[in-house]
Amino acid sequence: MPQPAQSPLASDIAAALDWWRTAGVDAAYRDTAEPWLAEKEEPAPAGPAPRSAAAAPPPPAPARVGGDRAQWPQTLDTFADWWLNEGSLDEGGLSPRVAPRGPLGAELMIVVPMPEDADRETLLSGPQGRLLGAFAVAAGLSADQVYYAAALPRHETLPDWAGLRAGGMGDVLGHHVALARPKRVLVLGQNILPLIGHDPAQGAQNLRTFNHEGGAVPALFEAGPERLLGNGKLRARLWRRWLEWTDGQKWDDG
């Protein structure tokens, strides 16, 4: 029997396959690998949608230094006992707390960052105190005309001044000045500046008042007593600025 005529399409396909075989290609290839051994994915079990992670709670506000402000002392006579015993004023330490000293309404209130390392019963009983006492004498001020105070109740090696400011130690200092009612304030120490809302990096040459609750008092701001002890130029600058600030006035016992 005569063979049926082969379709042109079949002839074309057969010719193409023969051409590839002649070229040595006998298998089909892909650019991407075929995952022959890939495991079959199981459908996810039905259930509630996963919850998004809860936002971390905000950090707690720092404890307020001094406790309840309504319970703060309202007279200078009661302030010293509170200063020595109020638990929230600091976190304790090896050195004892030391009370301020001096009269109400003093001609000058001198504020230092903290008691001296060796202070026990009397604030500024060491070399810093002797330096400031000599300064007061040179200024014509007697011992009963000067009120000595510290911004912190005890000597500390590395106080956290930023934390103290955030906790409200500056408010305690302002309350102290308000109770003492001095005619002038001499603030010695750049670390005290943040407590009263001033950036130490900006210096304090132009500051002229110490603002406290309900008022303000003329003030002079200078380097701390430990720096004054070791630097004659700083002592000379303090004296020069003092004379300019007071117009060279000297006080007598009356």
Protein backbone atom coordinates (compact mmCIF):
# COMPACT_ATOMS: atom_id res chain seq x y z
CA MET A 1 0.00 0.00 0.00
CA PRO A 2 1.18 3.44 -0.70
CA GLN A 3 2.37 5.35 2.47
CA PRO A 4 0.31 8.41 3.43
CA ALA A 5 1.96 11.63 2.58
CA GLN A 6 3.87 13.16 5.57
CA SER A 7 2.65 16.61 6.63
CA PRO A 8 5.06 19.50 6.03
CA LEU A 9 4.94 20.43 9.77
CA ALA A 10 6.09 16.98 10.85
CA SER A 11 8.92 17.12 8.33
CA ASP A 12 10.03 20.49 9.68
CA ILE A 13 10.03 19.25 13.27
CA ALA A 14 11.98 16.12 12.36
CA ALA A 15 14.54 18.20 10.45
CA ALA A 16 14.99 20.56 13.42
CA LEU A 17 15.56 17.69 15.83
CA ASP A 18 18.08 16.11 13.46
CA TRP A 19 19.93 19.44 13.29
CA TRP A 20 20.23 19.70 17.09
CA ARG A 21 21.34 16.06 17.38
CA THR A 22 24.02 16.70 14.79
CA ALA A 23 25.12 19.71 16.89
CA GLY A 24 25.48 17.46 19.95
CA VAL A 25 22.50 18.78 21.89
CA ASP A 26 20.30 15.97 23.05
CA ALA A 27 18.66 17.47 26.19
CA ALA A 28 16.75 20.62 27.15
CA TYR A 29 18.35 23.02 29.68
CA ARG A 30 17.05 25.90 31.86
CA ASP A 31 18.87 28.83 33.41
CA THR A 32 17.23 28.20 36.80
CA ALA A 33 17.56 24.99 38.78
CA GLU A 34 14.57 22.73 39.07
CA PRO A 35 13.76 22.02 42.79
CA TRP A 36 13.30 18.30 42.34
CA LEU A 37 13.76 17.54 46.06
CA ALA A 38 11.90 20.56 47.47
CA GLU A 39 9.58 19.65 50.30
CA LYS A 40 5.96 20.30 49.86
CA GLU A 41 4.85 23.31 51.89
CA GLU A 42 2.17 22.59 54.41
CA PRO A 43 -0.62 25.14 54.66
CA ALA A 44 -0.40 27.38 57.71
CA PRO A 45 -2.80 26.35 60.48
CA ALA A 46 -5.82 28.51 60.87
CA GLY A 47 -5.77 30.77 63.92
CA PRO A 48 -5.80 34.37 65.12
CA ALA A 49 -3.48 36.79 63.39
CA PRO A 50 -0.21 37.31 65.29
CA ARG A 51 -0.13 40.40 67.45
CA SER A 52 2.39 43.11 66.73
CA ALA A 53 5.04 43.59 69.40
CA ALA A 54 3.86 45.97 72.10
CA ALA A 55 5.69 49.28 72.27
CA ALA A 56 8.20 49.48 75.09
CA PRO A 57 6.86 51.52 78.01
CA PRO A 58 8.45 54.94 78.47
CA PRO A 59 11.21 55.12 81.07
CA PRO A 60 10.00 56.18 84.50
CA ALA A 61 10.40 59.83 85.39
CA PRO A 62 13.30 60.47 87.77
CA ALA A 63 12.34 60.62 91.42
CA ARG A 64 11.85 64.18 92.59
CA VAL A 65 14.64 65.35 94.85
CA GLY A 66 13.30 66.54 98.16
CA GLY A 67 10.09 64.53 98.04
CA ASP A 68 6.73 66.25 98.38
CA ARG A 69 7.33 69.95 97.90
CA ALA A 70 4.45 70.78 100.19
CA GLN A 71 6.49 69.24 103.00
CA TRP A 72 9.64 71.28 102.40
CA PRO A 73 10.81 73.43 105.33
CA GLN A 74 9.46 76.95 105.36
CA THR A 75 12.07 78.57 107.61
CA LEU A 76 15.85 78.61 107.56
CA ASP A 77 15.91 77.25 111.13
CA THR A 78 14.19 74.03 110.02
CA PHE A 79 16.04 73.72 106.73
CA ALA A 80 19.31 72.42 108.22
CA ASP A 81 17.64 69.45 109.94
CA TRP A 82 15.73 68.61 106.76
CA TRP A 83 18.94 68.93 104.72
CA LEU A 84 20.64 66.39 106.96
CA ASN A 85 17.80 63.87 107.12
CA GLU A 86 15.58 64.01 104.02
CA GLY A 87 16.20 60.67 102.29
CA SER A 88 15.44 61.77 98.74
CA LEU A 89 18.17 64.42 98.62
CA ASP A 90 20.77 61.83 97.63
CA GLU A 91 21.42 58.09 97.43
CA GLY A 92 23.83 57.93 100.33
CA GLY A 93 27.60 57.80 100.39
CA LEU A 94 30.67 57.34 102.54
CA SER A 95 30.95 61.00 103.49
CA PRO A 96 28.44 62.46 105.95
CA ARG A 97 25.93 65.13 105.11
CA VAL A 98 27.01 68.56 106.26
CA ALA A 99 24.66 71.42 107.17
CA PRO A 100 24.98 74.97 105.84
CA ARG A 101 26.11 77.67 108.25
CA GLY A 102 25.61 81.38 108.67
CA PRO A 103 22.97 83.95 109.54
CA LEU A 104 19.59 84.71 108.01
CA GLY A 105 19.72 87.72 105.70
CA ALA A 106 23.52 87.60 105.33
CA GLU A 107 25.33 90.24 103.34
CA LEU A 108 26.73 87.44 101.18
CA MET A 109 25.73 83.83 100.56
CA ILE A 110 28.54 81.70 99.11
CA VAL A 111 27.37 78.56 97.31
CA VAL A 112 29.83 75.78 96.45
CA PRO A 113 29.07 72.51 94.64
CA MET A 114 29.50 70.22 97.66
CA PRO A 115 31.22 69.92 101.04
CA GLU A 116 34.94 69.31 101.12
CA ASP A 117 36.15 65.72 101.27
CA ALA A 118 37.26 66.06 104.91
CA ASP A 119 34.18 67.95 106.15
CA ARG A 120 32.41 66.21 109.01
CA GLU A 121 30.68 68.61 111.39
CA THR A 122 31.36 71.94 109.68
CA LEU A 123 30.88 72.91 106.05
CA LEU A 124 34.08 74.10 104.33
CA SER A 125 36.34 73.25 107.24
CA GLY A 126 39.40 72.58 105.07
CA PRO A 127 41.58 74.50 102.60
CA GLN A 128 38.65 75.63 100.47
CA GLY A 129 36.97 77.10 103.51
CA ARG A 130 40.14 78.89 104.60
CA LEU A 131 40.46 80.39 101.12
CA LEU A 132 36.87 81.63 101.14
CA GLY A 133 37.23 82.93 104.67
CA ALA A 134 40.28 84.94 103.62
CA PHE A 135 38.32 86.26 100.64
CA ALA A 136 35.50 87.39 102.93
CA VAL A 137 37.95 89.18 105.24
CA ALA A 138 39.56 90.93 102.26
CA ALA A 139 36.08 92.02 101.17
CA GLY A 140 35.46 93.52 104.61
CA LEU A 141 32.93 90.86 105.65
CA SER A 142 32.93 89.42 109.15
CA ALA A 143 32.13 85.78 109.89
CA ASP A 144 28.57 86.62 110.93
CA GLN A 145 27.88 88.37 107.63
CA VAL A 146 28.49 85.36 105.38
CA TYR A 147 26.24 82.34 104.84
CA TYR A 148 27.99 79.24 103.48
CA ALA A 149 25.98 76.63 101.56
CA ALA A 150 26.54 73.70 99.22
CA ALA A 151 24.41 72.56 96.29
CA LEU A 152 24.74 68.93 97.47
CA PRO A 153 24.39 67.69 101.05
CA ARG A 154 27.53 65.52 101.05
CA HIS A 155 30.84 65.18 99.21
CA GLU A 156 30.59 62.93 96.13
CA THR A 157 33.34 61.74 93.81
CA LEU A 158 31.40 61.96 90.54
CA PRO A 159 27.98 63.55 91.00
CA ASP A 160 25.43 63.01 88.23
CA TRP A 161 24.72 66.69 87.66
CA ALA A 162 22.41 66.06 84.70
CA GLY A 163 20.39 63.60 86.74
CA LEU A 164 20.32 65.96 89.71
CA ARG A 165 18.96 68.72 87.51
CA ALA A 166 16.32 66.41 86.03
CA GLY A 167 15.35 65.33 89.54
CA GLY A 168 14.86 68.89 90.75
CA MET A 169 17.95 69.63 92.84
CA GLY A 170 17.98 73.11 91.32
CA ASP A 171 14.55 73.74 92.85
CA VAL A 172 15.91 72.73 96.25
CA LEU A 173 18.81 75.17 95.84
CA GLY A 174 16.42 77.94 94.83
CA HIS A 175 14.28 77.20 97.88
CA HIS A 176 17.38 77.34 100.06
CA VAL A 177 18.36 80.76 98.72
CA ALA A 178 14.81 82.01 99.20
CA LEU A 179 14.83 80.90 102.85
CA ALA A 180 18.30 82.34 103.53
CA ARG A 181 17.35 85.76 102.06
CA PRO A 182 20.92 86.98 101.40
CA LYS A 183 21.63 90.40 99.91
CA ARG A 184 24.05 88.91 97.37
CA VAL A 185 25.01 85.41 96.20
CA LEU A 186 28.44 84.26 95.10
CA VAL A 187 28.12 80.98 93.17
CA LEU A 188 31.41 79.10 92.82
CA GLY A 189 31.43 76.16 90.41
CA GLN A 190 30.29 75.58 86.84
CA ASN A 191 28.54 72.36 87.84
CA ILE A 192 25.97 74.45 89.68
CA LEU A 193 24.93 76.25 86.49
CA PRO A 194 22.84 73.38 85.03
CA LEU A 195 20.86 73.21 88.27
CA ILE A 196 19.64 76.76 87.71
CA GLY A 197 18.91 76.24 84.02
CA HIS A 198 22.09 77.65 82.50
CA ASP A 199 24.33 75.87 80.00
CA PRO A 200 27.89 75.73 81.44
CA ALA A 201 29.31 75.78 77.89
CA GLN A 202 28.02 79.34 77.50
CA GLY A 203 29.95 80.60 80.50
CA ALA A 204 28.51 82.77 83.21
CA GLN A 205 30.26 86.10 82.73
CA ASN A 206 27.03 87.87 81.87
CA LEU A 207 24.84 86.33 84.57
CA ARG A 208 23.97 88.91 87.19
CA THR A 209 21.08 87.44 89.17
CA PHE A 210 20.13 84.20 90.87
CA ASN A 211 16.45 83.58 90.22
CA HIS A 212 14.56 81.64 92.84
CA GLU A 213 10.97 80.98 93.73
CA GLY A 214 9.22 84.28 94.01
CA GLY A 215 12.20 86.55 93.44
CA ALA A 216 15.80 87.14 92.44
CA VAL A 217 18.99 88.22 94.16
CA PRO A 218 22.14 89.85 92.69
CA ALA A 219 24.69 87.15 91.96
CA LEU A 220 28.24 86.63 90.77
CA PHE A 221 29.27 83.33 89.18
CA GLU A 222 32.87 82.13 89.17
CA ALA A 223 35.07 79.01 89.13
CA GLY A 224 34.75 76.41 91.88
CA PRO A 225 36.82 76.60 95.07
CA GLU A 226 39.01 73.65 94.13
CA ARG A 227 40.06 75.46 90.95
CA LEU A 228 40.56 78.75 92.78
CA LEU A 229 42.95 77.03 95.18
CA GLY A 230 45.28 75.93 92.44
CA ASN A 231 45.10 78.89 90.06
CA GLY A 232 46.26 82.37 91.02
CA LYS A 233 44.89 83.86 87.81
CA LEU A 234 41.40 82.65 88.65
CA ARG A 235 41.68 84.12 92.14
CA ALA A 236 42.79 87.44 90.66
CA ARG A 237 39.89 87.36 88.22
CA LEU A 238 37.42 86.66 91.01
CA TRP A 239 38.76 89.59 93.03
CA ARG A 240 38.66 91.93 90.04
CA ARG A 241 35.10 90.95 89.17
CA TRP A 242 34.09 91.24 92.82
CA LEU A 243 35.37 94.82 92.98
CA GLU A 244 33.57 95.68 89.75
CA TRP A 245 30.38 94.04 91.00
CA THR A 246 30.41 95.81 94.36
CA ASP A 247 32.03 99.06 93.18
CA GLY A 248 34.77 98.40 95.71
CA GLN A 249 32.30 98.56 98.63
CA LYS A 250 33.41 97.11 101.95
CA TRP A 251 31.04 96.20 104.76
CA ASP A 252 31.55 96.81 108.44
CA ASP A 253 30.04 95.01 111.39
CA GLY A 254 27.23 97.51 111.59
